Amino acid sequence: MLFVSCAHPRTAKVTFREESHASRINIFVGDRYFTTLLYSDTLEKPLLFPILTPSGKTITRGYPIDPRPYERTDHPHQVGLWFNFGDVNGLDFWNNSTAIAPEKKEGYGHIRLDSVLQ
């Protein structure tokens, strides 16, 4: 998994802190915050956002979740790190976003989180 491969040092423990009321799980490597798994029903798919380097630098763009004034506001479906295949059994998981009108969503896949095992 991504967060395991980014662990520094390699012996650092990965911990999960769930905030079920906010539909999120904060992920730490050692004592450092690494990312958050967001899985709210208001999102089109579960995703990791933001993602930080071991030095604490954010490497994901903010838009559309946390827009920054210097960032472009295009491609609203490109949010954090997510499952992103364009065609799985005829369903599109890549372009699925809130920018697509509900009447056009028939061909788009949806991913819902049931549980997380630690």
Protein backbone atom coordinates (compact mmCIF):
# COMPACT_ATOMS: atom_id res chain seq x y z
CA MET A 1 0.00 0.00 0.00
CA LEU A 2 1.08 3.55 -0.64
CA PHE A 3 1.37 4.62 2.99
CA VAL A 4 3.44 1.58 3.90
CA SER A 5 5.88 2.25 1.04
CA CYS A 6 6.28 5.86 2.20
CA ALA A 7 7.01 4.94 5.81
CA HIS A 8 10.16 6.58 7.08
CA PRO A 9 11.95 5.04 8.81
CA ARG A 10 10.86 1.61 7.58
CA THR A 11 10.18 0.45 11.14
CA ALA A 12 7.65 3.23 11.83
CA LYS A 13 4.24 1.94 12.89
CA VAL A 14 1.21 2.85 10.76
CA THR A 15 -1.82 3.79 12.87
CA PHE A 16 -5.41 4.61 11.97
CA ARG A 17 -7.59 7.03 13.93
CA GLU A 18 -11.21 6.87 12.88
CA GLU A 19 -13.55 9.84 13.10
CA SER A 20 -16.74 8.00 12.17
CA HIS A 21 -18.91 11.09 12.78
CA ALA A 22 -16.93 12.81 10.00
CA SER A 23 -16.61 9.71 7.74
CA ARG A 24 -12.84 9.85 7.82
CA ILE A 25 -9.85 7.87 9.03
CA ASN A 26 -6.63 9.75 9.74
CA ILE A 27 -3.50 7.76 8.95
CA PHE A 28 -0.19 8.28 10.75
CA VAL A 29 3.26 6.86 10.07
CA GLY A 30 5.04 6.87 13.39
CA ASP A 31 3.82 10.06 15.06
CA ARG A 32 3.51 11.97 11.76
CA TYR A 33 0.25 12.60 9.99
CA PHE A 34 0.37 11.10 6.48
CA THR A 35 -3.13 11.27 4.96
CA THR A 36 -6.85 10.87 5.57
CA LEU A 37 -9.18 8.31 4.04
CA LEU A 38 -12.38 10.23 3.25
CA TYR A 39 -15.46 8.08 2.68
CA SER A 40 -18.48 10.34 3.09
CA ASP A 41 -21.62 9.49 1.10
CA THR A 42 -21.37 13.00 -0.36
CA LEU A 43 -18.20 11.93 -2.20
CA GLU A 44 -18.41 9.95 -5.43
CA LYS A 45 -15.71 7.53 -4.23
CA PRO A 46 -13.50 7.00 -1.15
CA LEU A 47 -10.17 8.78 -1.47
CA LEU A 48 -6.95 9.70 0.30
CA PHE A 49 -6.61 13.46 0.86
CA PRO A 50 -4.38 15.30 1.55
CA ILE A 51 -1.21 13.25 1.12
CA LEU A 52 1.95 14.49 2.83
CA THR A 53 5.61 13.60 2.34
CA PRO A 54 7.71 12.47 5.32
CA SER A 55 8.88 16.10 5.64
CA GLY A 56 5.27 17.30 5.87
CA LYS A 57 4.89 18.82 2.39
CA THR A 58 1.45 18.36 0.83
CA ILE A 59 1.71 16.68 -2.57
CA THR A 60 -1.98 16.65 -3.52
CA ARG A 61 -3.75 19.68 -4.92
CA GLY A 62 -6.49 21.22 -2.83
CA TYR A 63 -9.26 21.64 -5.41
CA PRO A 64 -12.09 20.81 -5.11
CA ILE A 65 -12.00 19.81 -1.40
CA ASP A 66 -9.70 22.54 -0.06
CA PRO A 67 -9.10 25.02 -2.92
CA ARG A 68 -5.97 27.16 -2.84
CA PRO A 69 -5.87 30.57 -4.53
CA TYR A 70 -2.98 29.69 -6.87
CA GLU A 71 -4.44 26.40 -8.15
CA ARG A 72 -6.48 25.74 -11.28
CA THR A 73 -10.09 24.72 -10.77
CA ASP A 74 -10.40 22.20 -13.58
CA HIS A 75 -10.91 18.42 -13.48
CA PRO A 76 -13.14 18.19 -10.38
CA HIS A 77 -12.97 14.38 -10.61
CA GLN A 78 -9.24 14.40 -9.83
CA VAL A 79 -9.38 14.51 -6.05
CA GLY A 80 -6.53 13.15 -3.93
CA LEU A 81 -5.68 9.51 -4.59
CA TRP A 82 -8.55 7.22 -5.59
CA PHE A 83 -9.52 4.12 -7.55
CA ASN A 84 -9.36 5.49 -11.07
CA PHE A 85 -10.12 3.09 -13.90
CA GLY A 86 -12.03 4.50 -16.85
CA ASP A 87 -13.81 1.30 -17.84
CA VAL A 88 -14.66 -1.58 -15.53
CA ASN A 89 -17.39 -3.80 -16.98
CA GLY A 90 -18.77 -0.78 -18.82
CA LEU A 91 -18.69 1.57 -15.83
CA ASP A 92 -16.52 4.70 -15.68
CA PHE A 93 -14.80 5.23 -12.32
CA TRP A 94 -12.33 7.85 -13.61
CA ASN A 95 -14.57 10.78 -14.52
CA ASN A 96 -17.15 10.39 -11.78
CA SER A 97 -17.59 13.70 -9.98
CA THR A 98 -20.23 16.04 -8.63
CA ALA A 99 -19.83 18.10 -11.83
CA ILE A 100 -21.76 15.44 -13.80
CA ALA A 101 -25.51 15.93 -13.88
CA PRO A 102 -27.48 13.20 -12.05
CA GLU A 103 -29.39 12.23 -15.21
CA LYS A 104 -26.05 11.43 -16.92
CA LYS A 105 -24.63 9.24 -14.13
CA GLU A 106 -25.99 5.90 -15.34
CA GLY A 107 -22.64 4.80 -16.83
CA TYR A 108 -20.55 5.84 -13.85
CA GLY A 109 -19.40 3.48 -11.11
CA HIS A 110 -19.77 4.24 -7.41
CA ILE A 111 -17.60 2.91 -4.60
CA ARG A 112 -18.92 2.82 -1.04
CA LEU A 113 -16.88 1.86 2.00
CA ASP A 114 -18.43 -0.79 4.26
CA SER A 115 -15.63 -1.19 6.80
CA VAL A 116 -11.92 -0.81 7.39
CA LEU A 117 -9.85 -3.58 8.94
CA GLN A 118 -6.71 -2.70 10.87
